[in-house]
Amino acid sequence: MLPLLQISELKLQSLKEGDSKVFNEIFDTYWQKLYAAAYSRIKDEQQAQDIVQDVFIHIWDRREHLSLKSETLEFYLLRSVKNRVINFYYKEKVRKHALSETLAFAGELESIAGFEERYPEMEIFVNSRIKELPTSMKRIYLMKENNYSIKEIAKHFNLAEQTIKNNITEASHRLRTALKKKFNAEYVLLVLSCYFY
């Protein structure tokens, strides 16, 4: 495989100033390699694509604050993918633990028969409702899901920390309300409430 061409320092400076053509060039240059790195660890096409997309969204959103260097850009991108893979597995572990704890608290498995069959549908539903949140609220909520601290999010948006907390609380409330209305089952709320902040 031929080595990837380096993006010049001048182009990286243009990126910081909002040059979308440079962003697209970086995307086209590194997308395939980053996807291969993510897929080799997760073995899931959609999750690998989501991880790589998240890396590029992060770069564009924080382009003014990132100290990107031509000679270390590829390393930075691959490290970002690796970190998100780690976060993915950590979240899966936490969710499985939370589910286990909630089921134990709720009682015997028979009392929530049908949950396993409906869980994928609920996941799709939640993701669709996240996309429908107001733009700023959605971005704040997704940053929190990606393990940014309240302080980091507040600094990124130049907002008060309490404003960030309010947005996260409101987003969580909207998602829980939508779930309850859609599925109308108390066990759904009980199980999935542990996924919201």
C-alpha atoms as a PDB file:
ATOM      1  CA  MET A   1       0.000   0.000   0.000  1.00  0.00           C
ATOM      2  CA  LEU A   2       1.357   3.412  -0.930  1.00  0.00           C
ATOM      3  CA  PRO A   3       1.922   5.818   1.967  1.00  0.00           C
ATOM      4  CA  LEU A   4      -0.694   8.517   2.406  1.00  0.00           C
ATOM      5  CA  LEU A   5       0.263  11.992   1.282  1.00  0.00           C
ATOM      6  CA  GLN A   6       0.748  14.439   4.113  1.00  0.00           C
ATOM      7  CA  ILE A   7      -1.547  17.437   4.394  1.00  0.00           C
ATOM      8  CA  SER A   8       0.627  20.547   4.440  1.00  0.00           C
ATOM      9  CA  GLU A   9       0.893  22.895   7.414  1.00  0.00           C
ATOM     10  CA  LEU A  10      -0.548  25.670   5.236  1.00  0.00           C
ATOM     11  CA  LYS A  11      -3.640  23.577   4.510  1.00  0.00           C
ATOM     12  CA  LEU A  12      -4.046  22.734   8.183  1.00  0.00           C
ATOM     13  CA  GLN A  13      -3.968  26.438   8.972  1.00  0.00           C
ATOM     14  CA  SER A  14      -6.640  26.967   6.327  1.00  0.00           C
ATOM     15  CA  LEU A  15      -8.689  24.248   8.014  1.00  0.00           C
ATOM     16  CA  LYS A  16      -8.527  26.123  11.313  1.00  0.00           C
ATOM     17  CA  GLU A  17      -9.882  29.142   9.464  1.00  0.00           C
ATOM     18  CA  GLY A  18     -12.835  27.134   8.184  1.00  0.00           C
ATOM     19  CA  ASP A  19     -11.689  25.912   4.759  1.00  0.00           C
ATOM     20  CA  SER A  20     -14.131  23.101   3.943  1.00  0.00           C
ATOM     21  CA  LYS A  21     -12.111  22.032   0.880  1.00  0.00           C
ATOM     22  CA  VAL A  22      -9.164  21.141   3.104  1.00  0.00           C
ATOM     23  CA  PHE A  23     -11.506  19.278   5.447  1.00  0.00           C
ATOM     24  CA  ASN A  24     -12.850  17.279   2.505  1.00  0.00           C
ATOM     25  CA  GLU A  25      -9.296  16.523   1.371  1.00  0.00           C
ATOM     26  CA  ILE A  26      -8.399  15.193   4.817  1.00  0.00           C
ATOM     27  CA  PHE A  27     -11.592  13.153   4.830  1.00  0.00           C
ATOM     28  CA  ASP A  28     -10.904  11.651   1.392  1.00  0.00           C
ATOM     29  CA  THR A  29      -7.264  10.965   2.264  1.00  0.00           C
ATOM     30  CA  TYR A  30      -7.797   9.206   5.589  1.00  0.00           C
ATOM     31  CA  TRP A  31     -11.347   7.845   5.600  1.00  0.00           C
ATOM     32  CA  GLN A  32     -10.532   4.372   4.300  1.00  0.00           C
ATOM     33  CA  LYS A  33      -7.580   3.837   6.643  1.00  0.00           C
ATOM     34  CA  LEU A  34      -9.515   5.022   9.690  1.00  0.00           C
ATOM     35  CA  TYR A  35     -12.511   2.867   8.801  1.00  0.00           C
ATOM     36  CA  ALA A  36     -10.248  -0.179   8.418  1.00  0.00           C
ATOM     37  CA  ALA A  37      -8.713   0.529  11.827  1.00  0.00           C
ATOM     38  CA  ALA A  38     -12.122   0.837  13.494  1.00  0.00           C
ATOM     39  CA  TYR A  39     -13.615  -2.191  11.740  1.00  0.00           C
ATOM     40  CA  SER A  40     -10.653  -4.410  12.603  1.00  0.00           C
ATOM     41  CA  ARG A  41     -11.441  -3.844  16.283  1.00  0.00           C
ATOM     42  CA  ILE A  42     -15.257  -3.789  16.288  1.00  0.00           C
ATOM     43  CA  LYS A  43     -16.190  -6.025  13.328  1.00  0.00           C
ATOM     44  CA  ASP A  44     -19.341  -3.992  12.760  1.00  0.00           C
ATOM     45  CA  GLU A  45     -19.624  -1.901   9.579  1.00  0.00           C
ATOM     46  CA  GLN A  46     -22.147   0.629  10.881  1.00  0.00           C
ATOM     47  CA  GLN A  47     -20.397   1.157  14.215  1.00  0.00           C
ATOM     48  CA  ALA A  48     -17.042   1.555  12.450  1.00  0.00           C
ATOM     49  CA  GLN A  49     -18.541   4.140  10.090  1.00  0.00           C
ATOM     50  CA  ASP A  50     -20.125   5.999  13.016  1.00  0.00           C
ATOM     51  CA  ILE A  51     -16.816   6.103  14.870  1.00  0.00           C
ATOM     52  CA  VAL A  52     -14.921   7.518  11.897  1.00  0.00           C
ATOM     53  CA  GLN A  53     -17.688  10.019  11.196  1.00  0.00           C
ATOM     54  CA  ASP A  54     -17.565  11.131  14.814  1.00  0.00           C
ATOM     55  CA  VAL A  55     -13.804  11.699  14.544  1.00  0.00           C
ATOM     56  CA  PHE A  56     -14.271  13.999  11.554  1.00  0.00           C
ATOM     57  CA  ILE A  57     -17.204  15.839  13.149  1.00  0.00           C
ATOM     58  CA  HIS A  58     -15.012  16.416  16.192  1.00  0.00           C
ATOM     59  CA  ILE A  59     -12.218  17.822  14.018  1.00  0.00           C
ATOM     60  CA  TRP A  60     -14.526  20.193  12.160  1.00  0.00           C
ATOM     61  CA  ASP A  61     -16.356  21.363  15.275  1.00  0.00           C
ATOM     62  CA  ARG A  62     -13.127  22.019  17.205  1.00  0.00           C
ATOM     63  CA  ARG A  63     -10.883  22.974  14.293  1.00  0.00           C
ATOM     64  CA  GLU A  64     -10.042  26.397  15.758  1.00  0.00           C
ATOM     65  CA  HIS A  65      -8.733  24.846  18.972  1.00  0.00           C
ATOM     66  CA  LEU A  66      -6.876  21.795  17.663  1.00  0.00           C
ATOM     67  CA  SER A  67      -3.091  21.856  17.308  1.00  0.00           C
ATOM     68  CA  LEU A  68      -2.768  19.659  14.246  1.00  0.00           C
ATOM     69  CA  LYS A  69       0.628  19.076  12.648  1.00  0.00           C
ATOM     70  CA  SER A  70       1.256  17.682   9.190  1.00  0.00           C
ATOM     71  CA  GLU A  71       3.690  15.024  10.344  1.00  0.00           C
ATOM     72  CA  THR A  72       1.475  13.785  13.193  1.00  0.00           C
ATOM     73  CA  LEU A  73      -1.995  14.170  11.639  1.00  0.00           C
ATOM     74  CA  GLU A  74      -2.330  10.484  10.745  1.00  0.00           C
ATOM     75  CA  PHE A  75      -1.232   9.468  14.246  1.00  0.00           C
ATOM     76  CA  TYR A  76      -3.757  11.903  15.769  1.00  0.00           C
ATOM     77  CA  LEU A  77      -6.586  10.504  13.639  1.00  0.00           C
ATOM     78  CA  LEU A  78      -5.747   6.873  14.383  1.00  0.00           C
ATOM     79  CA  ARG A  79      -5.447   7.622  18.085  1.00  0.00           C
ATOM     80  CA  SER A  80      -8.849   9.336  17.976  1.00  0.00           C
ATOM     81  CA  VAL A  81     -10.342   6.213  16.405  1.00  0.00           C
ATOM     82  CA  LYS A  82      -8.705   4.025  19.031  1.00  0.00           C
ATOM     83  CA  ASN A  83     -10.072   6.201  21.856  1.00  0.00           C
ATOM     84  CA  ARG A  84     -13.588   6.016  20.449  1.00  0.00           C
ATOM     85  CA  VAL A  85     -13.335   2.253  20.087  1.00  0.00           C
ATOM     86  CA  ILE A  86     -12.378   2.093  23.756  1.00  0.00           C
ATOM     87  CA  ASN A  87     -15.320   4.358  24.626  1.00  0.00           C
ATOM     88  CA  PHE A  88     -17.618   2.128  22.577  1.00  0.00           C
ATOM     89  CA  TYR A  89     -16.625  -1.001  24.472  1.00  0.00           C
ATOM     90  CA  TYR A  90     -16.761   0.847  27.785  1.00  0.00           C
ATOM     91  CA  LYS A  91     -20.298   2.075  27.080  1.00  0.00           C
ATOM     92  CA  GLU A  92     -21.389  -1.395  26.043  1.00  0.00           C
ATOM     93  CA  LYS A  93     -19.989  -2.793  29.281  1.00  0.00           C
ATOM     94  CA  VAL A  94     -21.706  -0.089  31.347  1.00  0.00           C
ATOM     95  CA  ARG A  95     -25.005  -0.568  29.545  1.00  0.00           C
ATOM     96  CA  LYS A  96     -24.946  -4.327  30.007  1.00  0.00           C
ATOM     97  CA  HIS A  97     -24.118  -3.864  33.688  1.00  0.00           C
ATOM     98  CA  ALA A  98     -26.876  -1.265  34.073  1.00  0.00           C
ATOM     99  CA  LEU A  99     -29.338  -3.570  32.344  1.00  0.00           C
ATOM    100  CA  SER A 100     -28.351  -6.475  34.571  1.00  0.00           C
ATOM    101  CA  GLU A 101     -28.706  -4.370  37.715  1.00  0.00           C
ATOM    102  CA  THR A 102     -32.064  -2.985  36.605  1.00  0.00           C
ATOM    103  CA  LEU A 103     -33.453  -6.395  35.744  1.00  0.00           C
ATOM    104  CA  ALA A 104     -32.366  -7.690  39.123  1.00  0.00           C
ATOM    105  CA  PHE A 105     -34.086  -4.757  40.784  1.00  0.00           C
ATOM    106  CA  ALA A 106     -37.219  -5.128  38.688  1.00  0.00           C
ATOM    107  CA  GLY A 107     -37.688  -8.770  39.530  1.00  0.00           C
ATOM    108  CA  GLU A 108     -37.788 -11.994  37.575  1.00  0.00           C
ATOM    109  CA  LEU A 109     -37.139 -11.950  33.836  1.00  0.00           C
ATOM    110  CA  GLU A 110     -40.600 -13.332  33.129  1.00  0.00           C
ATOM    111  CA  SER A 111     -42.116 -10.084  34.377  1.00  0.00           C
ATOM    112  CA  ILE A 112     -40.590  -8.215  31.441  1.00  0.00           C
ATOM    113  CA  ALA A 113     -41.113 -10.781  28.719  1.00  0.00           C
ATOM    114  CA  GLY A 114     -40.636  -9.305  25.283  1.00  0.00           C
ATOM    115  CA  PHE A 115     -37.923  -6.825  26.227  1.00  0.00           C
ATOM    116  CA  GLU A 116     -35.151  -8.523  24.238  1.00  0.00           C
ATOM    117  CA  GLU A 117     -37.300  -8.574  21.110  1.00  0.00           C
ATOM    118  CA  ARG A 118     -38.173  -4.885  21.354  1.00  0.00           C
ATOM    119  CA  TYR A 119     -34.775  -3.565  22.449  1.00  0.00           C
ATOM    120  CA  PRO A 120     -33.376  -3.013  18.903  1.00  0.00           C
ATOM    121  CA  GLU A 121     -36.547  -1.117  18.001  1.00  0.00           C
ATOM    122  CA  MET A 122     -36.120   1.063  21.084  1.00  0.00           C
ATOM    123  CA  GLU A 123     -32.488   1.808  20.220  1.00  0.00           C
ATOM    124  CA  ILE A 124     -33.490   2.938  16.716  1.00  0.00           C
ATOM    125  CA  PHE A 125     -36.307   5.025  18.159  1.00  0.00           C
ATOM    126  CA  VAL A 126     -34.029   6.761  20.673  1.00  0.00           C
ATOM    127  CA  ASN A 127     -31.444   7.564  17.994  1.00  0.00           C
ATOM    128  CA  SER A 128     -34.135   9.037  15.748  1.00  0.00           C
ATOM    129  CA  ARG A 129     -35.385  11.245  18.583  1.00  0.00           C
ATOM    130  CA  ILE A 130     -31.861  12.427  19.354  1.00  0.00           C
ATOM    131  CA  LYS A 131     -31.562  13.584  15.731  1.00  0.00           C
ATOM    132  CA  GLU A 132     -34.783  15.574  16.147  1.00  0.00           C
ATOM    133  CA  LEU A 133     -33.560  17.546  19.166  1.00  0.00           C
ATOM    134  CA  PRO A 134     -32.824  21.254  18.604  1.00  0.00           C
ATOM    135  CA  THR A 135     -29.391  21.596  17.023  1.00  0.00           C
ATOM    136  CA  SER A 136     -27.548  23.084  19.997  1.00  0.00           C
ATOM    137  CA  MET A 137     -29.213  20.721  22.475  1.00  0.00           C
ATOM    138  CA  LYS A 138     -28.402  17.722  20.279  1.00  0.00           C
ATOM    139  CA  ARG A 139     -24.723  18.714  19.970  1.00  0.00           C
ATOM    140  CA  ILE A 140     -24.454  19.218  23.734  1.00  0.00           C
ATOM    141  CA  TYR A 141     -26.146  15.884  24.441  1.00  0.00           C
ATOM    142  CA  LEU A 142     -23.936  13.991  21.980  1.00  0.00           C
ATOM    143  CA  MET A 143     -20.784  15.553  23.419  1.00  0.00           C
ATOM    144  CA  LYS A 144     -21.858  14.363  26.862  1.00  0.00           C
ATOM    145  CA  GLU A 145     -22.464  10.896  25.410  1.00  0.00           C
ATOM    146  CA  ASN A 146     -18.912  11.025  24.055  1.00  0.00           C
ATOM    147  CA  ASN A 147     -17.593  11.528  27.589  1.00  0.00           C
ATOM    148  CA  TYR A 148     -16.897  15.259  27.443  1.00  0.00           C
ATOM    149  CA  SER A 149     -17.202  16.844  30.857  1.00  0.00           C
ATOM    150  CA  ILE A 150     -19.712  19.603  31.618  1.00  0.00           C
ATOM    151  CA  LYS A 151     -16.791  22.007  31.917  1.00  0.00           C
ATOM    152  CA  GLU A 152     -15.374  21.029  28.507  1.00  0.00           C
ATOM    153  CA  ILE A 153     -18.765  21.357  26.818  1.00  0.00           C
ATOM    154  CA  ALA A 154     -19.394  24.736  28.431  1.00  0.00           C
ATOM    155  CA  LYS A 155     -16.016  25.975  27.228  1.00  0.00           C
ATOM    156  CA  HIS A 156     -16.619  24.638  23.718  1.00  0.00           C
ATOM    157  CA  PHE A 157     -19.942  26.471  23.361  1.00  0.00           C
ATOM    158  CA  ASN A 158     -18.906  29.460  25.484  1.00  0.00           C
ATOM    159  CA  LEU A 159     -21.903  28.893  27.754  1.00  0.00           C
ATOM    160  CA  ALA A 160     -22.412  28.674  31.496  1.00  0.00           C
ATOM    161  CA  GLU A 161     -22.047  25.184  32.972  1.00  0.00           C
ATOM    162  CA  GLN A 162     -25.583  25.397  34.359  1.00  0.00           C
ATOM    163  CA  THR A 163     -26.887  26.059  30.845  1.00  0.00           C
ATOM    164  CA  ILE A 164     -25.158  22.890  29.648  1.00  0.00           C
ATOM    165  CA  LYS A 165     -26.657  20.900  32.535  1.00  0.00           C
ATOM    166  CA  ASN A 166     -30.113  22.300  31.732  1.00  0.00           C
ATOM    167  CA  ASN A 167     -29.792  21.242  28.087  1.00  0.00           C
ATOM    168  CA  ILE A 168     -28.722  17.712  29.019  1.00  0.00           C
ATOM    169  CA  THR A 169     -31.547  17.392  31.550  1.00  0.00           C
ATOM    170  CA  GLU A 170     -34.103  18.654  29.030  1.00  0.00           C
ATOM    171  CA  ALA A 171     -32.813  16.331  26.304  1.00  0.00           C
ATOM    172  CA  SER A 172     -33.020  13.350  28.674  1.00  0.00           C
ATOM    173  CA  HIS A 173     -36.543  14.348  29.710  1.00  0.00           C
ATOM    174  CA  ARG A 174     -37.684  14.588  26.087  1.00  0.00           C
ATOM    175  CA  LEU A 175     -36.223  11.186  25.229  1.00  0.00           C
ATOM    176  CA  ARG A 176     -37.789   9.495  28.257  1.00  0.00           C
ATOM    177  CA  THR A 177     -41.147  11.106  27.510  1.00  0.00           C
ATOM    178  CA  ALA A 178     -40.999   9.996  23.870  1.00  0.00           C
ATOM    179  CA  LEU A 179     -40.145   6.434  24.935  1.00  0.00           C
ATOM    180  CA  LYS A 180     -43.007   6.254  27.384  1.00  0.00           C
ATOM    181  CA  LYS A 181     -45.478   7.566  24.822  1.00  0.00           C
ATOM    182  CA  LYS A 182     -44.224   5.268  22.074  1.00  0.00           C
ATOM    183  CA  PHE A 183     -43.908   2.005  23.969  1.00  0.00           C
ATOM    184  CA  ASN A 184     -46.271   2.607  26.903  1.00  0.00           C
ATOM    185  CA  ALA A 185     -44.524   0.076  29.126  1.00  0.00           C
ATOM    186  CA  GLU A 186     -43.184   0.786  32.573  1.00  0.00           C
ATOM    187  CA  TYR A 187     -40.345  -1.713  32.248  1.00  0.00           C
ATOM    188  CA  VAL A 188     -39.080   0.147  29.165  1.00  0.00           C
ATOM    189  CA  LEU A 189     -38.785   3.313  31.185  1.00  0.00           C
ATOM    190  CA  LEU A 190     -37.199   1.475  34.063  1.00  0.00           C
ATOM    191  CA  VAL A 191     -34.567  -0.196  31.911  1.00  0.00           C
ATOM    192  CA  LEU A 192     -33.715   2.654  29.560  1.00  0.00           C
ATOM    193  CA  SER A 193     -33.825   5.461  32.111  1.00  0.00           C
ATOM    194  CA  CYS A 194     -30.362   4.374  33.202  1.00  0.00           C
ATOM    195  CA  TYR A 195     -29.038   5.381  29.760  1.00  0.00           C
ATOM    196  CA  PHE A 196     -29.976   9.042  30.189  1.00  0.00           C
ATOM    197  CA  TYR A 197     -28.217  11.678  32.248  1.00  0.00           C
END
